[in-house]
Protein backbone atom coordinates (compact mmCIF):
# COMPACT_ATOMS: atom_id res chain seq x y z
CA UNK A 1 0.00 0.00 0.00
CA UNK A 2 1.43 3.34 -1.00
CA UNK A 3 1.80 6.27 1.36
CA UNK A 4 -0.68 8.37 -0.64
CA UNK A 5 -3.34 5.67 -0.44
CA UNK A 6 -2.74 5.22 3.28
CA UNK A 7 -3.06 8.96 3.83
CA UNK A 8 -6.39 9.18 2.01
CA UNK A 9 -7.64 6.16 3.97
CA UNK A 10 -6.67 7.93 7.20
CA UNK A 11 -8.50 11.11 6.12
CA UNK A 12 -11.62 9.08 5.27
CA UNK A 13 -11.55 7.24 8.61
CA UNK A 14 -11.03 10.50 10.49
CA UNK A 15 -14.03 12.05 8.77
CA UNK A 16 -16.16 9.01 9.63
CA UNK A 17 -15.19 9.16 13.32
CA UNK A 18 -15.67 12.92 13.35
CA UNK A 19 -19.11 12.57 11.79
CA UNK A 20 -20.20 10.10 14.46
CA UNK A 21 -18.96 12.38 17.22
CA UNK A 22 -20.70 15.39 15.66
CA UNK A 23 -23.99 13.49 15.38
CA UNK A 24 -23.74 12.38 19.01
CA UNK A 25 -23.06 15.98 20.08
CA UNK A 26 -26.15 17.15 18.20
CA UNK A 27 -24.44 18.91 15.29
CA UNK A 28 -26.31 17.19 12.46
CA UNK A 29 -25.35 19.70 9.76
CA UNK A 30 -21.64 19.45 10.52
CA UNK A 31 -21.94 15.67 10.72
CA UNK A 32 -23.39 15.54 7.22
CA UNK A 33 -20.61 17.83 6.02
CA UNK A 34 -17.97 15.51 7.52
CA UNK A 35 -19.57 12.57 5.70
CA UNK A 36 -19.53 14.46 2.40
CA UNK A 37 -15.86 15.38 2.86
CA UNK A 38 -15.06 11.76 3.72
CA UNK A 39 -16.82 10.55 0.59
CA UNK A 40 -14.89 13.05 -1.50
CA UNK A 41 -11.63 11.86 0.06
CA UNK A 42 -12.54 8.21 -0.50
CA UNK A 43 -12.49 8.76 -4.26
CA UNK A 44 -8.70 9.04 -4.03
CA UNK A 45 -8.26 5.67 -2.27
CA UNK A 46 -8.52 3.56 -5.43
PDB file of N, CA and C in Angstrom:
ATOM      1  N   UNK A   1       0.861  -1.176   0.000  1.00  0.00           N
ATOM      2  CA  UNK A   1       0.000   0.000   0.000  1.00  0.00           C
ATOM      3  C   UNK A   1       0.902   1.232   0.000  1.00  0.00           C
ATOM      4  N   UNK A   2       0.605   2.143  -0.900  1.00  0.00           N
ATOM      5  CA  UNK A   2       1.430   3.343  -1.004  1.00  0.00           C
ATOM      6  C   UNK A   2       1.084   4.337   0.107  1.00  0.00           C
ATOM      7  N   UNK A   3       1.996   5.260   0.320  1.00  0.00           N
ATOM      8  CA  UNK A   3       1.803   6.273   1.358  1.00  0.00           C
ATOM      9  C   UNK A   3       0.618   7.177   1.027  1.00  0.00           C
ATOM     10  N   UNK A   4       0.441   7.510  -0.243  1.00  0.00           N
ATOM     11  CA  UNK A   4      -0.677   8.369  -0.642  1.00  0.00           C
ATOM     12  C   UNK A   4      -2.014   7.686  -0.358  1.00  0.00           C
ATOM     13  N   UNK A   5      -2.092   6.405  -0.685  1.00  0.00           N
ATOM     14  CA  UNK A   5      -3.335   5.665  -0.439  1.00  0.00           C
ATOM     15  C   UNK A   5      -3.619   5.559   1.059  1.00  0.00           C
ATOM     16  N   UNK A   6      -2.586   5.308   1.828  1.00  0.00           N
ATOM     17  CA  UNK A   6      -2.739   5.217   3.281  1.00  0.00           C
ATOM     18  C   UNK A   6      -3.200   6.543   3.873  1.00  0.00           C
ATOM     19  N   UNK A   7      -2.672   7.638   3.350  1.00  0.00           N
ATOM     20  CA  UNK A   7      -3.061   8.962   3.835  1.00  0.00           C
ATOM     21  C   UNK A   7      -4.527   9.249   3.550  1.00  0.00           C
ATOM     22  N   UNK A   8      -4.978   8.946   2.335  1.00  0.00           N
ATOM     23  CA  UNK A   8      -6.390   9.178   2.008  1.00  0.00           C
ATOM     24  C   UNK A   8      -7.301   8.273   2.832  1.00  0.00           C
ATOM     25  N   UNK A   9      -6.859   7.058   3.115  1.00  0.00           N
ATOM     26  CA  UNK A   9      -7.638   6.160   3.968  1.00  0.00           C
ATOM     27  C   UNK A   9      -7.747   6.722   5.381  1.00  0.00           C
ATOM     28  N   UNK A  10      -6.668   7.307   5.874  1.00  0.00           N
ATOM     29  CA  UNK A  10      -6.673   7.928   7.197  1.00  0.00           C
ATOM     30  C   UNK A  10      -7.607   9.138   7.241  1.00  0.00           C
ATOM     31  N   UNK A  11      -7.602   9.943   6.190  1.00  0.00           N
ATOM     32  CA  UNK A  11      -8.502  11.107   6.119  1.00  0.00           C
ATOM     33  C   UNK A  11      -9.957  10.643   6.112  1.00  0.00           C
ATOM     34  N   UNK A  12     -10.251   9.596   5.338  1.00  0.00           N
ATOM     35  CA  UNK A  12     -11.619   9.080   5.271  1.00  0.00           C
ATOM     36  C   UNK A  12     -12.068   8.531   6.626  1.00  0.00           C
ATOM     37  N   UNK A  13     -11.203   7.791   7.288  1.00  0.00           N
ATOM     38  CA  UNK A  13     -11.546   7.244   8.606  1.00  0.00           C
ATOM     39  C   UNK A  13     -11.733   8.352   9.633  1.00  0.00           C
ATOM     40  N   UNK A  14     -10.900   9.372   9.570  1.00  0.00           N
ATOM     41  CA  UNK A  14     -11.026  10.504  10.491  1.00  0.00           C
ATOM     42  C   UNK A  14     -12.347  11.226  10.287  1.00  0.00           C
ATOM     43  N   UNK A  15     -12.746  11.401   9.046  1.00  0.00           N
ATOM     44  CA  UNK A  15     -14.033  12.048   8.766  1.00  0.00           C
ATOM     45  C   UNK A  15     -15.194  11.200   9.280  1.00  0.00           C
ATOM     46  N   UNK A  16     -15.090   9.884   9.150  1.00  0.00           N
ATOM     47  CA  UNK A  16     -16.159   9.010   9.634  1.00  0.00           C
ATOM     48  C   UNK A  16     -16.288   9.096  11.156  1.00  0.00           C
ATOM     49  N   UNK A  17     -15.165   9.049  11.852  1.00  0.00           N
ATOM     50  CA  UNK A  17     -15.194   9.158  13.318  1.00  0.00           C
ATOM     51  C   UNK A  17     -15.696  10.534  13.735  1.00  0.00           C
ATOM     52  N   UNK A  18     -15.220  11.557  13.053  1.00  0.00           N
ATOM     53  CA  UNK A  18     -15.671  12.916  13.353  1.00  0.00           C
ATOM     54  C   UNK A  18     -17.159  13.088  13.135  1.00  0.00           C
ATOM     55  N   UNK A  19     -17.679  12.477  12.067  1.00  0.00           N
ATOM     56  CA  UNK A  19     -19.111  12.573  11.786  1.00  0.00           C
ATOM     57  C   UNK A  19     -19.925  11.925  12.900  1.00  0.00           C
ATOM     58  N   UNK A  20     -19.488  10.769  13.361  1.00  0.00           N
ATOM     59  CA  UNK A  20     -20.200  10.097  14.456  1.00  0.00           C
ATOM     60  C   UNK A  20     -20.197  10.970  15.707  1.00  0.00           C
ATOM     61  N   UNK A  21     -19.045  11.529  16.031  1.00  0.00           N
ATOM     62  CA  UNK A  21     -18.961  12.385  17.218  1.00  0.00           C
ATOM     63  C   UNK A  21     -19.828  13.632  17.072  1.00  0.00           C
ATOM     64  N   UNK A  22     -19.866  14.203  15.884  1.00  0.00           N
ATOM     65  CA  UNK A  22     -20.697  15.386  15.663  1.00  0.00           C
ATOM     66  C   UNK A  22     -22.181  15.052  15.776  1.00  0.00           C
ATOM     67  N   UNK A  23     -22.586  13.891  15.246  1.00  0.00           N
ATOM     68  CA  UNK A  23     -23.990  13.492  15.377  1.00  0.00           C
ATOM     69  C   UNK A  23     -24.364  13.263  16.839  1.00  0.00           C
ATOM     70  N   UNK A  24     -23.474  12.635  17.596  1.00  0.00           N
ATOM     71  CA  UNK A  24     -23.740  12.381  19.014  1.00  0.00           C
ATOM     72  C   UNK A  24     -23.858  13.695  19.780  1.00  0.00           C
ATOM     73  N   UNK A  25     -23.040  14.681  19.403  1.00  0.00           N
ATOM     74  CA  UNK A  25     -23.058  15.980  20.082  1.00  0.00           C
ATOM     75  C   UNK A  25     -24.235  16.847  19.647  1.00  0.00           C
ATOM     76  N   UNK A  26     -24.970  16.407  18.628  1.00  0.00           N
ATOM     77  CA  UNK A  26     -26.145  17.153  18.200  1.00  0.00           C
ATOM     78  C   UNK A  26     -25.913  18.104  17.038  1.00  0.00           C
ATOM     79  N   UNK A  27     -24.750  18.038  16.423  1.00  0.00           N
ATOM     80  CA  UNK A  27     -24.445  18.910  15.288  1.00  0.00           C
ATOM     81  C   UNK A  27     -24.693  18.152  13.984  1.00  0.00           C
ATOM     82  N   UNK A  28     -25.965  17.992  13.623  1.00  0.00           N
ATOM     83  CA  UNK A  28     -26.309  17.191  12.456  1.00  0.00           C
ATOM     84  C   UNK A  28     -25.759  17.773  11.155  1.00  0.00           C
ATOM     85  N   UNK A  29     -25.825  19.075  10.992  1.00  0.00           N
ATOM     86  CA  UNK A  29     -25.345  19.701   9.759  1.00  0.00           C
ATOM     87  C   UNK A  29     -23.856  19.487   9.551  1.00  0.00           C
ATOM     88  N   UNK A  30     -23.084  19.666  10.621  1.00  0.00           N
ATOM     89  CA  UNK A  30     -21.638  19.453  10.518  1.00  0.00           C
ATOM     90  C   UNK A  30     -21.316  17.967  10.336  1.00  0.00           C
ATOM     91  N   UNK A  31     -22.134  17.103  10.910  1.00  0.00           N
ATOM     92  CA  UNK A  31     -21.938  15.666  10.715  1.00  0.00           C
ATOM     93  C   UNK A  31     -22.124  15.259   9.270  1.00  0.00           C
ATOM     94  N   UNK A  32     -23.156  15.811   8.643  1.00  0.00           N
ATOM     95  CA  UNK A  32     -23.385  15.537   7.219  1.00  0.00           C
ATOM     96  C   UNK A  32     -22.222  16.071   6.390  1.00  0.00           C
ATOM     97  N   UNK A  33     -21.738  17.243   6.740  1.00  0.00           N
ATOM     98  CA  UNK A  33     -20.607  17.827   6.020  1.00  0.00           C
ATOM     99  C   UNK A  33     -19.360  16.948   6.155  1.00  0.00           C
ATOM    100  N   UNK A  34     -19.117  16.400   7.327  1.00  0.00           N
ATOM    101  CA  UNK A  34     -17.972  15.508   7.521  1.00  0.00           C
ATOM    102  C   UNK A  34     -18.117  14.245   6.676  1.00  0.00           C
ATOM    103  N   UNK A  35     -19.335  13.736   6.548  1.00  0.00           N
ATOM    104  CA  UNK A  35     -19.570  12.566   5.698  1.00  0.00           C
ATOM    105  C   UNK A  35     -19.294  12.900   4.239  1.00  0.00           C
ATOM    106  N   UNK A  36     -19.753  14.051   3.795  1.00  0.00           N
ATOM    107  CA  UNK A  36     -19.528  14.460   2.403  1.00  0.00           C
ATOM    108  C   UNK A  36     -18.033  14.617   2.124  1.00  0.00           C
ATOM    109  N   UNK A  37     -17.314  15.222   3.042  1.00  0.00           N
ATOM    110  CA  UNK A  37     -15.863  15.382   2.862  1.00  0.00           C
ATOM    111  C   UNK A  37     -15.176  14.012   2.853  1.00  0.00           C
ATOM    112  N   UNK A  38     -15.616  13.115   3.711  1.00  0.00           N
ATOM    113  CA  UNK A  38     -15.058  11.761   3.723  1.00  0.00           C
ATOM    114  C   UNK A  38     -15.321  11.011   2.432  1.00  0.00           C
ATOM    115  N   UNK A  39     -16.518  11.184   1.879  1.00  0.00           N
ATOM    116  CA  UNK A  39     -16.822  10.552   0.590  1.00  0.00           C
ATOM    117  C   UNK A  39     -15.957  11.123  -0.522  1.00  0.00           C
ATOM    118  N   UNK A  40     -15.748  12.429  -0.495  1.00  0.00           N
ATOM    119  CA  UNK A  40     -14.886  13.052  -1.503  1.00  0.00           C
ATOM    120  C   UNK A  40     -13.448  12.544  -1.367  1.00  0.00           C
ATOM    121  N   UNK A  41     -12.985  12.363  -0.149  1.00  0.00           N
ATOM    122  CA  UNK A  41     -11.626  11.856   0.056  1.00  0.00           C
ATOM    123  C   UNK A  41     -11.516  10.389  -0.338  1.00  0.00           C
ATOM    124  N   UNK A  42     -12.600   9.638  -0.184  1.00  0.00           N
ATOM    125  CA  UNK A  42     -12.544   8.209  -0.499  1.00  0.00           C
ATOM    126  C   UNK A  42     -12.387   7.951  -1.992  1.00  0.00           C
ATOM    127  N   UNK A  43     -12.688   8.921  -2.820  1.00  0.00           N
ATOM    128  CA  UNK A  43     -12.493   8.761  -4.265  1.00  0.00           C
ATOM    129  C   UNK A  43     -11.015   8.534  -4.573  1.00  0.00           C
ATOM    130  N   UNK A  44     -10.139   9.131  -3.785  1.00  0.00           N
ATOM    131  CA  UNK A  44      -8.701   9.040  -4.035  1.00  0.00           C
ATOM    132  C   UNK A  44      -8.069   7.754  -3.508  1.00  0.00           C
ATOM    133  N   UNK A  45      -8.828   6.895  -2.849  1.00  0.00           N
ATOM    134  CA  UNK A  45      -8.265   5.674  -2.268  1.00  0.00           C
ATOM    135  C   UNK A  45      -7.953   4.626  -3.338  1.00  0.00           C
ATOM    136  N   UNK A  46      -8.691   4.616  -4.422  1.00  0.00           N
ATOM    137  CA  UNK A  46      -8.519   3.561  -5.426  1.00  0.00           C
ATOM    138  C   UNK A  46      -7.187   3.513  -6.000  1.00  0.00           C
TER     139      UNK A  46
END
